């Protein structure tokens, strides 16, 4: 099994190899926390010896196995964003038999773990990755990534109490860090239910619900709309989109959308079913800077050429589409009435 031999952050210099928990996390086996549980249960071995503590360091020359099977080399880091619908548990196996997030994912994806969790009734943005080390780094409060939520709550809202959350709050003996909370504009007098916006950095278990309950508010809908630089955006419910790897800059969005077919349930990458064509861009004018792109001038339409005039007939009847024109009957002058009495007798009477 090939591993990186460079010392990781937090490792003492001069020590060879990496900690076994980090190696398995990078291989996509599980997060560091779950790897420590695997080691405690005696499922991980190095060179045939079962491990009992997670402090062992390994190199590329060591043979690491999980449940007797060799652990594959670390795969390239991949990161996905997923619009979690309500009613799914964020776990691989649920003892109560409830549907899980990973059962609802489209086929063809690698083994993924979640960055943090969303509870059963919560919805919105959930980050997924095949790198346990990355998941741990993104979900640690020390990283300082801001989580943003929309919460619909029932009850009387006290603006002063919401503003006081900036200093943190203790609920049932648990201390929660600073939270930015406000009523969404236009919902100040929206009846019994109001939409709130909250921003926090810790993301403890059921933090938003418990904090608002301490203020006398009951949350009946909770949506996570952003996690650090990654946003939910217009991602449809139940849809997965792969993001650029954080090792290549961690740019938000711009990934490949993967949808589940409504009939067959097979994952269909959006780029494969409907390839995107590069859009032509108009050239930028000099001096425009960042003001925008110049619109291309429309091409002038060519004027229609005048039709040549038909020559006048030399003489005789004019030929038309229905044949030659009838000539005047004999004894009648064209355009003149023949002399003689009117039809019907004498002159026309008046009165």
C-alpha atoms as a PDB file:
ATOM      1  CA  UNK A   1       0.000   0.000   0.000  1.00  0.00           C
ATOM      2  CA  UNK A   2       1.462   3.320  -1.063  1.00  0.00           C
ATOM      3  CA  UNK A   3       1.324   6.176   1.423  1.00  0.00           C
ATOM      4  CA  UNK A   4       2.823   9.624   1.588  1.00  0.00           C
ATOM      5  CA  UNK A   5       5.936   9.597   3.723  1.00  0.00           C
ATOM      6  CA  UNK A   6       6.101  13.307   4.415  1.00  0.00           C
ATOM      7  CA  UNK A   7       5.359  14.415   7.932  1.00  0.00           C
ATOM      8  CA  UNK A   8       1.831  15.674   8.374  1.00  0.00           C
ATOM      9  CA  UNK A   9       0.782  18.782  10.172  1.00  0.00           C
ATOM     10  CA  UNK A  10       1.080  18.223  13.908  1.00  0.00           C
ATOM     11  CA  UNK A  11       3.550  15.319  13.583  1.00  0.00           C
ATOM     12  CA  UNK A  12       6.916  15.672  15.231  1.00  0.00           C
ATOM     13  CA  UNK A  13       9.750  16.258  12.742  1.00  0.00           C
ATOM     14  CA  UNK A  14      12.045  13.342  12.121  1.00  0.00           C
ATOM     15  CA  UNK A  15       9.410  10.664  12.665  1.00  0.00           C
ATOM     16  CA  UNK A  16       8.960   8.318   9.724  1.00  0.00           C
ATOM     17  CA  UNK A  17       5.578   7.603   8.184  1.00  0.00           C
ATOM     18  CA  UNK A  18       2.123   8.789   9.191  1.00  0.00           C
ATOM     19  CA  UNK A  19      -0.320   7.897  11.915  1.00  0.00           C
ATOM     20  CA  UNK A  20      -2.492   4.944  11.002  1.00  0.00           C
ATOM     21  CA  UNK A  21      -5.703   6.915  11.571  1.00  0.00           C
ATOM     22  CA  UNK A  22      -4.653   9.526   9.027  1.00  0.00           C
ATOM     23  CA  UNK A  23      -3.594   6.884   6.485  1.00  0.00           C
ATOM     24  CA  UNK A  24      -6.945   5.106   6.632  1.00  0.00           C
ATOM     25  CA  UNK A  25      -8.832   8.389   6.561  1.00  0.00           C
ATOM     26  CA  UNK A  26      -6.999   9.471   3.416  1.00  0.00           C
ATOM     27  CA  UNK A  27      -7.724   6.099   1.849  1.00  0.00           C
ATOM     28  CA  UNK A  28     -11.431   6.807   2.262  1.00  0.00           C
ATOM     29  CA  UNK A  29     -12.026   4.036   4.790  1.00  0.00           C
ATOM     30  CA  UNK A  30     -13.621   6.332   7.364  1.00  0.00           C
ATOM     31  CA  UNK A  31     -13.063   9.537   9.242  1.00  0.00           C
ATOM     32  CA  UNK A  32     -10.329   9.670  11.869  1.00  0.00           C
ATOM     33  CA  UNK A  33     -12.866   9.351  14.624  1.00  0.00           C
ATOM     34  CA  UNK A  34     -14.402   6.244  13.052  1.00  0.00           C
ATOM     35  CA  UNK A  35     -10.953   4.784  12.328  1.00  0.00           C
ATOM     36  CA  UNK A  36     -10.144   5.013  16.028  1.00  0.00           C
ATOM     37  CA  UNK A  37     -13.313   3.040  16.730  1.00  0.00           C
ATOM     38  CA  UNK A  38     -12.287   0.428  14.150  1.00  0.00           C
ATOM     39  CA  UNK A  39      -8.911   0.099  15.844  1.00  0.00           C
ATOM     40  CA  UNK A  40     -10.504  -0.176  19.295  1.00  0.00           C
ATOM     41  CA  UNK A  41     -12.703  -3.014  18.031  1.00  0.00           C
ATOM     42  CA  UNK A  42      -9.650  -4.927  16.722  1.00  0.00           C
ATOM     43  CA  UNK A  43     -10.491  -4.715  13.026  1.00  0.00           C
ATOM     44  CA  UNK A  44      -7.252  -3.053  11.827  1.00  0.00           C
ATOM     45  CA  UNK A  45      -3.916  -4.854  11.530  1.00  0.00           C
ATOM     46  CA  UNK A  46      -0.432  -3.819  10.379  1.00  0.00           C
ATOM     47  CA  UNK A  47       1.881  -6.532   9.046  1.00  0.00           C
ATOM     48  CA  UNK A  48      -0.363  -9.194  10.545  1.00  0.00           C
ATOM     49  CA  UNK A  49      -0.526  -7.674  14.056  1.00  0.00           C
ATOM     50  CA  UNK A  50      -3.867  -6.379  15.297  1.00  0.00           C
ATOM     51  CA  UNK A  51      -3.679  -2.809  16.517  1.00  0.00           C
ATOM     52  CA  UNK A  52      -4.936  -1.782  19.930  1.00  0.00           C
ATOM     53  CA  UNK A  53      -4.076   1.946  19.830  1.00  0.00           C
ATOM     54  CA  UNK A  54      -4.324   4.596  17.085  1.00  0.00           C
ATOM     55  CA  UNK A  55      -0.878   6.073  17.730  1.00  0.00           C
ATOM     56  CA  UNK A  56       0.970   3.616  15.447  1.00  0.00           C
ATOM     57  CA  UNK A  57       2.806   5.101  12.465  1.00  0.00           C
ATOM     58  CA  UNK A  58       3.091   3.297   9.148  1.00  0.00           C
ATOM     59  CA  UNK A  59       5.046   3.759   5.926  1.00  0.00           C
ATOM     60  CA  UNK A  60       4.585   2.564   2.362  1.00  0.00           C
ATOM     61  CA  UNK A  61       6.477  -0.632   3.248  1.00  0.00           C
ATOM     62  CA  UNK A  62       3.838  -1.689   5.816  1.00  0.00           C
ATOM     63  CA  UNK A  63       0.869  -3.894   4.952  1.00  0.00           C
ATOM     64  CA  UNK A  64      -2.351  -2.483   6.396  1.00  0.00           C
ATOM     65  CA  UNK A  65      -5.527  -4.598   6.488  1.00  0.00           C
ATOM     66  CA  UNK A  66      -9.102  -4.006   7.574  1.00  0.00           C
ATOM     67  CA  UNK A  67     -11.053  -7.130   8.562  1.00  0.00           C
ATOM     68  CA  UNK A  68      -8.267  -9.172   6.961  1.00  0.00           C
ATOM     69  CA  UNK A  69      -8.478  -7.436   3.581  1.00  0.00           C
ATOM     70  CA  UNK A  70      -5.710  -5.140   2.317  1.00  0.00           C
ATOM     71  CA  UNK A  71      -6.533  -1.459   2.330  1.00  0.00           C
ATOM     72  CA  UNK A  72      -6.199   0.058  -1.123  1.00  0.00           C
ATOM     73  CA  UNK A  73      -3.962   3.005  -1.831  1.00  0.00           C
ATOM     74  CA  UNK A  74      -5.346   6.447  -1.222  1.00  0.00           C
ATOM     75  CA  UNK A  75      -7.577   7.691  -4.041  1.00  0.00           C
ATOM     76  CA  UNK A  76      -7.489  11.251  -5.341  1.00  0.00           C
ATOM     77  CA  UNK A  77      -9.493  13.544  -3.091  1.00  0.00           C
ATOM     78  CA  UNK A  78     -13.034  14.174  -4.302  1.00  0.00           C
ATOM     79  CA  UNK A  79     -15.636  16.511  -2.840  1.00  0.00           C
ATOM     80  CA  UNK A  80     -19.374  16.643  -3.523  1.00  0.00           C
ATOM     81  CA  UNK A  81     -22.265  18.828  -2.475  1.00  0.00           C
ATOM     82  CA  UNK A  82     -25.620  17.179  -1.874  1.00  0.00           C
ATOM     83  CA  UNK A  83     -29.061  18.676  -1.310  1.00  0.00           C
ATOM     84  CA  UNK A  84     -30.303  16.515   1.530  1.00  0.00           C
ATOM     85  CA  UNK A  85     -34.089  16.192   1.733  1.00  0.00           C
ATOM     86  CA  UNK A  86     -35.805  15.800   5.115  1.00  0.00           C
ATOM     87  CA  UNK A  87     -36.489  12.284   6.369  1.00  0.00           C
ATOM     88  CA  UNK A  88     -32.983  10.853   5.813  1.00  0.00           C
ATOM     89  CA  UNK A  89     -30.449   9.973   8.492  1.00  0.00           C
ATOM     90  CA  UNK A  90     -26.844  11.081   7.931  1.00  0.00           C
ATOM     91  CA  UNK A  91     -25.209   7.741   8.638  1.00  0.00           C
ATOM     92  CA  UNK A  92     -24.164   4.615   6.766  1.00  0.00           C
ATOM     93  CA  UNK A  93     -26.169   2.257   8.984  1.00  0.00           C
ATOM     94  CA  UNK A  94     -29.153   3.122  11.152  1.00  0.00           C
ATOM     95  CA  UNK A  95     -30.063   0.722  13.998  1.00  0.00           C
ATOM     96  CA  UNK A  96     -33.719   1.740  13.696  1.00  0.00           C
ATOM     97  CA  UNK A  97     -33.836   0.907   9.981  1.00  0.00           C
ATOM     98  CA  UNK A  98     -34.613   4.438   8.833  1.00  0.00           C
ATOM     99  CA  UNK A  99     -33.573   5.478   5.296  1.00  0.00           C
ATOM    100  CA  UNK A 100     -30.101   6.983   5.134  1.00  0.00           C
ATOM    101  CA  UNK A 101     -28.427   9.606   3.005  1.00  0.00           C
ATOM    102  CA  UNK A 102     -25.990   7.117   1.517  1.00  0.00           C
ATOM    103  CA  UNK A 103     -28.772   4.747   0.450  1.00  0.00           C
ATOM    104  CA  UNK A 104     -30.427   7.589  -1.452  1.00  0.00           C
ATOM    105  CA  UNK A 105     -27.293   8.619  -3.353  1.00  0.00           C
ATOM    106  CA  UNK A 106     -27.054   7.759  -7.076  1.00  0.00           C
ATOM    107  CA  UNK A 107     -25.082   4.688  -8.128  1.00  0.00           C
ATOM    108  CA  UNK A 108     -21.534   4.931  -9.410  1.00  0.00           C
ATOM    109  CA  UNK A 109     -20.141   7.165  -6.661  1.00  0.00           C
ATOM    110  CA  UNK A 110     -17.112   6.189  -4.541  1.00  0.00           C
ATOM    111  CA  UNK A 111     -17.438   5.400  -0.863  1.00  0.00           C
ATOM    112  CA  UNK A 112     -18.242   8.741   0.722  1.00  0.00           C
ATOM    113  CA  UNK A 113     -18.422  10.142   4.220  1.00  0.00           C
ATOM    114  CA  UNK A 114     -20.193  13.292   5.308  1.00  0.00           C
ATOM    115  CA  UNK A 115     -18.639  16.516   6.500  1.00  0.00           C
ATOM    116  CA  UNK A 116     -20.603  16.965   9.694  1.00  0.00           C
ATOM    117  CA  UNK A 117     -24.249  15.941   9.814  1.00  0.00           C
ATOM    118  CA  UNK A 118     -27.788  17.121   9.337  1.00  0.00           C
ATOM    119  CA  UNK A 119     -30.421  15.582  11.577  1.00  0.00           C
ATOM    120  CA  UNK A 120     -33.439  13.644  10.365  1.00  0.00           C
ATOM    121  CA  UNK A 121     -35.770  16.594   9.811  1.00  0.00           C
ATOM    122  CA  UNK A 122     -33.159  19.090   8.607  1.00  0.00           C
ATOM    123  CA  UNK A 123     -32.458  19.687   4.935  1.00  0.00           C
ATOM    124  CA  UNK A 124     -30.134  21.573   2.663  1.00  0.00           C
ATOM    125  CA  UNK A 125     -26.416  21.514   1.908  1.00  0.00           C
ATOM    126  CA  UNK A 126     -24.422  18.456   2.968  1.00  0.00           C
ATOM    127  CA  UNK A 127     -20.798  18.061   1.879  1.00  0.00           C
ATOM    128  CA  UNK A 128     -19.568  14.554   1.032  1.00  0.00           C
ATOM    129  CA  UNK A 129     -16.002  13.391   0.402  1.00  0.00           C
ATOM    130  CA  UNK A 130     -13.949  10.241  -0.021  1.00  0.00           C
ATOM    131  CA  UNK A 131     -11.141  11.690   2.108  1.00  0.00           C
ATOM    132  CA  UNK A 132     -11.610  11.284   5.838  1.00  0.00           C
ATOM    133  CA  UNK A 133      -8.765  13.678   6.593  1.00  0.00           C
ATOM    134  CA  UNK A 134     -10.447  16.390   4.538  1.00  0.00           C
ATOM    135  CA  UNK A 135     -13.775  15.752   6.270  1.00  0.00           C
ATOM    136  CA  UNK A 136     -12.148  16.159   9.670  1.00  0.00           C
ATOM    137  CA  UNK A 137     -10.391  19.347   8.621  1.00  0.00           C
ATOM    138  CA  UNK A 138     -13.606  20.901   7.277  1.00  0.00           C
ATOM    139  CA  UNK A 139     -15.779  20.053  10.262  1.00  0.00           C
ATOM    140  CA  UNK A 140     -13.416  21.074  13.074  1.00  0.00           C
ATOM    141  CA  UNK A 141     -14.562  24.305  14.801  1.00  0.00           C
ATOM    142  CA  UNK A 142     -10.928  25.460  14.817  1.00  0.00           C
ATOM    143  CA  UNK A 143     -11.117  25.737  11.014  1.00  0.00           C
ATOM    144  CA  UNK A 144     -13.600  28.576  11.462  1.00  0.00           C
ATOM    145  CA  UNK A 145     -15.879  27.705   8.546  1.00  0.00           C
ATOM    146  CA  UNK A 146     -19.178  29.563   8.832  1.00  0.00           C
ATOM    147  CA  UNK A 147     -22.383  27.546   8.547  1.00  0.00           C
ATOM    148  CA  UNK A 148     -25.428  29.502   7.394  1.00  0.00           C
ATOM    149  CA  UNK A 149     -29.014  28.383   8.003  1.00  0.00           C
ATOM    150  CA  UNK A 150     -32.579  29.451   7.313  1.00  0.00           C
ATOM    151  CA  UNK A 151     -34.965  28.511  10.099  1.00  0.00           C
ATOM    152  CA  UNK A 152     -38.729  28.848  10.172  1.00  0.00           C
ATOM    153  CA  UNK A 153     -39.730  29.217  13.810  1.00  0.00           C
ATOM    154  CA  UNK A 154     -43.028  29.569  15.632  1.00  0.00           C
ATOM    155  CA  UNK A 155     -43.352  31.945  18.544  1.00  0.00           C
ATOM    156  CA  UNK A 156     -42.672  35.505  19.596  1.00  0.00           C
ATOM    157  CA  UNK A 157     -39.303  36.792  18.414  1.00  0.00           C
ATOM    158  CA  UNK A 158     -37.353  39.084  20.704  1.00  0.00           C
ATOM    159  CA  UNK A 159     -34.831  41.072  18.604  1.00  0.00           C
ATOM    160  CA  UNK A 160     -32.763  41.854  21.711  1.00  0.00           C
ATOM    161  CA  UNK A 161     -32.485  38.148  22.552  1.00  0.00           C
ATOM    162  CA  UNK A 162     -31.363  37.379  19.006  1.00  0.00           C
ATOM    163  CA  UNK A 163     -28.739  40.107  19.164  1.00  0.00           C
ATOM    164  CA  UNK A 164     -27.456  38.726  22.483  1.00  0.00           C
ATOM    165  CA  UNK A 165     -26.556  35.440  20.779  1.00  0.00           C
ATOM    166  CA  UNK A 166     -23.450  37.169  19.423  1.00  0.00           C
ATOM    167  CA  UNK A 167     -21.943  36.695  22.882  1.00  0.00           C
ATOM    168  CA  UNK A 168     -22.826  32.992  22.992  1.00  0.00           C
ATOM    169  CA  UNK A 169     -25.349  31.190  25.170  1.00  0.00           C
ATOM    170  CA  UNK A 170     -25.439  28.275  27.620  1.00  0.00           C
ATOM    171  CA  UNK A 171     -28.348  25.847  27.247  1.00  0.00           C
ATOM    172  CA  UNK A 172     -28.780  22.878  29.620  1.00  0.00           C
ATOM    173  CA  UNK A 173     -25.146  23.104  30.675  1.00  0.00           C
ATOM    174  CA  UNK A 174     -23.810  23.218  27.095  1.00  0.00           C
ATOM    175  CA  UNK A 175     -21.970  26.343  26.022  1.00  0.00           C
ATOM    176  CA  UNK A 176     -22.587  27.492  22.449  1.00  0.00           C
ATOM    177  CA  UNK A 177     -20.299  29.991  20.746  1.00  0.00           C
ATOM    178  CA  UNK A 178     -21.259  33.264  19.042  1.00  0.00           C
ATOM    179  CA  UNK A 179     -24.246  33.081  16.700  1.00  0.00           C
ATOM    180  CA  UNK A 180     -25.421  35.772  14.303  1.00  0.00           C
ATOM    181  CA  UNK A 181     -29.216  35.678  14.119  1.00  0.00           C
ATOM    182  CA  UNK A 182     -31.775  37.998  12.580  1.00  0.00           C
ATOM    183  CA  UNK A 183     -35.291  37.972  11.198  1.00  0.00           C
ATOM    184  CA  UNK A 184     -35.367  37.891   7.420  1.00  0.00           C
ATOM    185  CA  UNK A 185     -36.411  41.210   5.895  1.00  0.00           C
ATOM    186  CA  UNK A 186     -40.141  41.269   5.232  1.00  0.00           C
ATOM    187  CA  UNK A 187     -40.929  38.647   7.896  1.00  0.00           C
ATOM    188  CA  UNK A 188     -40.998  40.889  10.961  1.00  0.00           C
ATOM    189  CA  UNK A 189     -44.793  40.692  11.148  1.00  0.00           C
ATOM    190  CA  UNK A 190     -45.448  37.420   9.335  1.00  0.00           C
ATOM    191  CA  UNK A 191     -47.928  35.902  11.766  1.00  0.00           C
ATOM    192  CA  UNK A 192     -47.091  32.940  13.974  1.00  0.00           C
ATOM    193  CA  UNK A 193     -44.202  31.660  11.838  1.00  0.00           C
ATOM    194  CA  UNK A 194     -41.158  33.710  10.927  1.00  0.00           C
ATOM    195  CA  UNK A 195     -38.062  32.982   8.868  1.00  0.00           C
ATOM    196  CA  UNK A 196     -34.741  33.602  10.602  1.00  0.00           C
ATOM    197  CA  UNK A 197     -31.176  33.586   9.290  1.00  0.00           C
ATOM    198  CA  UNK A 198     -28.412  32.227  11.495  1.00  0.00           C
ATOM    199  CA  UNK A 199     -24.644  31.998  11.059  1.00  0.00           C
ATOM    200  CA  UNK A 200     -22.423  29.935  13.368  1.00  0.00           C
ATOM    201  CA  UNK A 201     -18.997  28.294  13.340  1.00  0.00           C
ATOM    202  CA  UNK A 202     -19.228  25.388  15.794  1.00  0.00           C
ATOM    203  CA  UNK A 203     -22.063  23.293  14.429  1.00  0.00           C
ATOM    204  CA  UNK A 204     -22.739  21.248  17.555  1.00  0.00           C
ATOM    205  CA  UNK A 205     -25.445  18.598  17.619  1.00  0.00           C
ATOM    206  CA  UNK A 206     -28.877  20.226  17.088  1.00  0.00           C
ATOM    207  CA  UNK A 207     -27.367  23.599  17.929  1.00  0.00           C
ATOM    208  CA  UNK A 208     -29.831  25.797  16.041  1.00  0.00           C
ATOM    209  CA  UNK A 209     -32.910  24.015  17.357  1.00  0.00           C
ATOM    210  CA  UNK A 210     -31.771  23.993  20.977  1.00  0.00           C
ATOM    211  CA  UNK A 211     -30.649  27.609  20.995  1.00  0.00           C
ATOM    212  CA  UNK A 212     -33.919  28.854  19.502  1.00  0.00           C
ATOM    213  CA  UNK A 213     -35.932  26.661  21.842  1.00  0.00           C
ATOM    214  CA  UNK A 214     -34.144  28.381  24.726  1.00  0.00           C
ATOM    215  CA  UNK A 215     -35.537  31.660  23.339  1.00  0.00           C
ATOM    216  CA  UNK A 216     -39.087  30.287  23.267  1.00  0.00           C
ATOM    217  CA  UNK A 217     -39.117  29.481  19.551  1.00  0.00           C
ATOM    218  CA  UNK A 218     -40.051  26.144  17.993  1.00  0.00           C
ATOM    219  CA  UNK A 219     -38.251  25.332  14.754  1.00  0.00           C
ATOM    220  CA  UNK A 220     -40.510  23.588  12.257  1.00  0.00           C
ATOM    221  CA  UNK A 221     -38.171  23.807   9.262  1.00  0.00           C
ATOM    222  CA  UNK A 222     -34.380  24.101   9.075  1.00  0.00           C
ATOM    223  CA  UNK A 223     -32.340  24.508   5.871  1.00  0.00           C
ATOM    224  CA  UNK A 224     -28.569  24.773   5.662  1.00  0.00           C
ATOM    225  CA  UNK A 225     -27.753  27.100   2.784  1.00  0.00           C
ATOM    226  CA  UNK A 226     -23.955  27.369   3.046  1.00  0.00           C
ATOM    227  CA  UNK A 227     -20.938  25.632   4.561  1.00  0.00           C
ATOM    228  CA  UNK A 228     -17.827  27.767   4.368  1.00  0.00           C
ATOM    229  CA  UNK A 229     -17.248  28.795   0.739  1.00  0.00           C
ATOM    230  CA  UNK A 230     -19.723  26.201  -0.578  1.00  0.00           C
ATOM    231  CA  UNK A 231     -23.360  27.190  -1.090  1.00  0.00           C
ATOM    232  CA  UNK A 232     -26.544  25.254  -1.754  1.00  0.00           C
ATOM    233  CA  UNK A 233     -27.515  27.614  -4.563  1.00  0.00           C
ATOM    234  CA  UNK A 234     -30.093  26.245  -6.984  1.00  0.00           C
ATOM    235  CA  UNK A 235     -29.118  22.601  -6.479  1.00  0.00           C
ATOM    236  CA  UNK A 236     -32.337  20.564  -6.680  1.00  0.00           C
ATOM    237  CA  UNK A 237     -33.434  18.445  -3.733  1.00  0.00           C
ATOM    238  CA  UNK A 238     -31.752  15.026  -3.831  1.00  0.00           C
ATOM    239  CA  UNK A 239     -29.214  16.116  -6.462  1.00  0.00           C
ATOM    240  CA  UNK A 240     -25.433  15.615  -6.153  1.00  0.00           C
ATOM    241  CA  UNK A 241     -22.757  17.770  -7.756  1.00  0.00           C
ATOM    242  CA  UNK A 242     -19.014  17.127  -7.718  1.00  0.00           C
ATOM    243  CA  UNK A 243     -16.926  20.145  -6.774  1.00  0.00           C
ATOM    244  CA  UNK A 244     -13.365  20.899  -7.805  1.00  0.00           C
ATOM    245  CA  UNK A 245     -10.925  19.256  -5.425  1.00  0.00           C
ATOM    246  CA  UNK A 246      -9.774  21.528  -2.583  1.00  0.00           C
ATOM    247  CA  UNK A 247      -6.213  20.541  -3.516  1.00  0.00           C
ATOM    248  CA  UNK A 248      -6.784  22.396  -6.810  1.00  0.00           C
ATOM    249  CA  UNK A 249      -7.944  25.617  -5.226  1.00  0.00           C
ATOM    250  CA  UNK A 250     -11.241  24.727  -3.580  1.00  0.00           C
ATOM    251  CA  UNK A 251     -13.289  26.838  -5.958  1.00  0.00           C
ATOM    252  CA  UNK A 252     -16.964  26.904  -5.167  1.00  0.00           C
ATOM    253  CA  UNK A 253     -19.380  25.407  -7.693  1.00  0.00           C
ATOM    254  CA  UNK A 254     -18.625  24.668 -11.316  1.00  0.00           C
ATOM    255  CA  UNK A 255     -18.738  20.921 -10.807  1.00  0.00           C
ATOM    256  CA  UNK A 256     -20.420  18.074 -12.623  1.00  0.00           C
ATOM    257  CA  UNK A 257     -24.029  17.478 -11.716  1.00  0.00           C
ATOM    258  CA  UNK A 258     -25.102  13.862 -11.120  1.00  0.00           C
ATOM    259  CA  UNK A 259     -28.817  13.083 -11.167  1.00  0.00           C
ATOM    260  CA  UNK A 260     -30.823   9.952 -10.469  1.00  0.00           C
ATOM    261  CA  UNK A 261     -32.986   8.766 -13.325  1.00  0.00           C
ATOM    262  CA  UNK A 262     -36.651   8.911 -12.338  1.00  0.00           C
ATOM    263  CA  UNK A 263     -37.425   5.601 -14.057  1.00  0.00           C
ATOM    264  CA  UNK A 264     -34.395   3.389 -13.687  1.00  0.00           C
ATOM    265  CA  UNK A 265     -32.689   4.945 -10.667  1.00  0.00           C
ATOM    266  CA  UNK A 266     -29.308   4.876 -12.438  1.00  0.00           C
ATOM    267  CA  UNK A 267     -27.012   7.818 -11.985  1.00  0.00           C
ATOM    268  CA  UNK A 268     -26.702   9.953 -15.065  1.00  0.00           C
ATOM    269  CA  UNK A 269     -24.056  12.664 -15.175  1.00  0.00           C
ATOM    270  CA  UNK A 270     -25.649  15.782 -16.566  1.00  0.00           C
ATOM    271  CA  UNK A 271     -22.613  16.465 -18.703  1.00  0.00           C
ATOM    272  CA  UNK A 272     -22.917  13.030 -20.333  1.00  0.00           C
ATOM    273  CA  UNK A 273     -26.638  13.099 -21.036  1.00  0.00           C
ATOM    274  CA  UNK A 274     -26.682  16.686 -22.248  1.00  0.00           C
ATOM    275  CA  UNK A 275     -23.195  17.923 -23.112  1.00  0.00           C
ATOM    276  CA  UNK A 276     -22.619  21.582 -22.623  1.00  0.00           C
ATOM    277  CA  UNK A 277     -21.423  23.487 -25.662  1.00  0.00           C
ATOM    278  CA  UNK A 278     -18.960  26.318 -25.179  1.00  0.00           C
ATOM    279  CA  UNK A 279     -20.750  29.606 -25.444  1.00  0.00           C
ATOM    280  CA  UNK A 280     -19.169  32.145 -27.775  1.00  0.00           C
ATOM    281  CA  UNK A 281     -18.142  35.292 -25.975  1.00  0.00           C
ATOM    282  CA  UNK A 282     -18.044  38.741 -27.507  1.00  0.00           C
ATOM    283  CA  UNK A 283     -14.631  40.388 -27.555  1.00  0.00           C
ATOM    284  CA  UNK A 284     -13.923  42.875 -24.798  1.00  0.00           C
ATOM    285  CA  UNK A 285     -13.387  46.436 -25.911  1.00  0.00           C
ATOM    286  CA  UNK A 286     -10.341  48.380 -24.870  1.00  0.00           C
ATOM    287  CA  UNK A 287     -10.900  50.512 -21.814  1.00  0.00           C
ATOM    288  CA  UNK A 288     -13.932  48.513 -20.707  1.00  0.00           C
ATOM    289  CA  UNK A 289     -12.055  46.898 -17.797  1.00  0.00           C
ATOM    290  CA  UNK A 290     -14.468  44.939 -15.617  1.00  0.00           C
ATOM    291  CA  UNK A 291     -17.561  46.809 -16.641  1.00  0.00           C
ATOM    292  CA  UNK A 292     -18.724  43.970 -18.828  1.00  0.00           C
ATOM    293  CA  UNK A 293     -18.565  42.495 -22.270  1.00  0.00           C
ATOM    294  CA  UNK A 294     -19.313  44.515 -25.391  1.00  0.00           C
ATOM    295  CA  UNK A 295     -22.185  43.351 -27.545  1.00  0.00           C
ATOM    296  CA  UNK A 296     -21.342  42.469 -31.100  1.00  0.00           C
ATOM    297  CA  UNK A 297     -22.784  44.865 -33.672  1.00  0.00           C
ATOM    298  CA  UNK A 298     -25.529  43.345 -35.809  1.00  0.00           C
ATOM    299  CA  UNK A 299     -24.612  42.746 -39.399  1.00  0.00           C
ATOM    300  CA  UNK A 300     -26.491  44.981 -41.886  1.00  0.00           C
ATOM    301  CA  UNK A 301     -28.967  43.099 -44.008  1.00  0.00           C
ATOM    302  CA  UNK A 302     -28.421  43.395 -47.780  1.00  0.00           C
ATOM    303  CA  UNK A 303     -31.102  45.405 -49.546  1.00  0.00           C
ATOM    304  CA  UNK A 304     -33.189  43.470 -52.075  1.00  0.00           C
ATOM    305  CA  UNK A 305     -32.263  44.137 -55.688  1.00  0.00           C
ATOM    306  CA  UNK A 306     -34.955  45.982 -57.706  1.00  0.00           C
ATOM    307  CA  UNK A 307     -36.782  43.790 -60.179  1.00  0.00           C
ATOM    308  CA  UNK A 308     -36.291  44.739 -63.860  1.00  0.00           C
ATOM    309  CA  UNK A 309     -39.332  46.381 -65.453  1.00  0.00           C
ATOM    310  CA  UNK A 310     -41.235  44.339 -68.014  1.00  0.00           C
ATOM    311  CA  UNK A 311     -41.126  45.695 -71.583  1.00  0.00           C
ATOM    312  CA  UNK A 312     -44.405  47.098 -72.914  1.00  0.00           C
ATOM    313  CA  UNK A 313     -46.127  44.976 -75.612  1.00  0.00           C
ATOM    314  CA  UNK A 314     -45.440  46.070 -79.202  1.00  0.00           C
ATOM    315  CA  UNK A 315     -49.100  45.866 -80.158  1.00  0.00           C
ATOM    316  CA  UNK A 316     -52.143  43.667 -80.266  1.00  0.00           C
ATOM    317  CA  UNK A 317     -53.854  41.965 -77.367  1.00  0.00           C
ATOM    318  CA  UNK A 318     -51.869  41.570 -74.148  1.00  0.00           C
ATOM    319  CA  UNK A 319     -51.166  38.034 -73.190  1.00  0.00           C
ATOM    320  CA  UNK A 320     -51.987  37.152 -69.639  1.00  0.00           C
ATOM    321  CA  UNK A 321     -51.831  34.101 -67.503  1.00  0.00           C
ATOM    322  CA  UNK A 322     -55.263  33.017 -68.695  1.00  0.00           C
ATOM    323  CA  UNK A 323     -54.636  33.462 -72.392  1.00  0.00           C
ATOM    324  CA  UNK A 324     -55.147  36.359 -74.804  1.00  0.00           C
ATOM    325  CA  UNK A 325     -57.575  39.127 -73.916  1.00  0.00           C
ATOM    326  CA  UNK A 326     -60.965  39.014 -75.630  1.00  0.00           C
ATOM    327  CA  UNK A 327     -61.454  41.469 -78.455  1.00  0.00           C
ATOM    328  CA  UNK A 328     -64.523  43.673 -78.728  1.00  0.00           C
ATOM    329  CA  UNK A 329     -67.537  42.113 -80.431  1.00  0.00           C
ATOM    330  CA  UNK A 330     -68.129  43.131 -84.056  1.00  0.00           C
ATOM    331  CA  UNK A 331     -70.292  46.165 -84.536  1.00  0.00           C
ATOM    332  CA  UNK A 332     -69.358  47.640 -81.137  1.00  0.00           C
ATOM    333  CA  UNK A 333     -66.762  50.220 -80.423  1.00  0.00           C
ATOM    334  CA  UNK A 334     -64.628  49.508 -77.421  1.00  0.00           C
ATOM    335  CA  UNK A 335     -65.614  51.784 -74.559  1.00  0.00           C
ATOM    336  CA  UNK A 336     -68.618  53.378 -76.428  1.00  0.00           C
ATOM    337  CA  UNK A 337     -72.329  52.511 -76.287  1.00  0.00           C
ATOM    338  CA  UNK A 338     -73.936  51.903 -79.674  1.00  0.00           C
ATOM    339  CA  UNK A 339     -76.523  54.563 -80.720  1.00  0.00           C
ATOM    340  CA  UNK A 340     -80.188  53.676 -80.773  1.00  0.00           C
ATOM    341  CA  UNK A 341     -83.201  53.496 -78.528  1.00  0.00           C
ATOM    342  CA  UNK A 342     -82.894  52.174 -74.987  1.00  0.00           C
ATOM    343  CA  UNK A 343     -84.029  48.694 -74.236  1.00  0.00           C
ATOM    344  CA  UNK A 344     -87.604  48.390 -73.071  1.00  0.00           C
ATOM    345  CA  UNK A 345     -89.222  50.925 -75.347  1.00  0.00           C
ATOM    346  CA  UNK A 346     -89.456  54.684 -75.237  1.00  0.00           C
ATOM    347  CA  UNK A 347     -87.823  57.190 -73.001  1.00  0.00           C
ATOM    348  CA  UNK A 348     -87.570  56.575 -69.258  1.00  0.00           C
ATOM    349  CA  UNK A 349     -90.463  57.984 -67.281  1.00  0.00           C
ATOM    350  CA  UNK A 350     -90.007  60.010 -64.158  1.00  0.00           C
ATOM    351  CA  UNK A 351     -92.159  60.067 -61.080  1.00  0.00           C
END
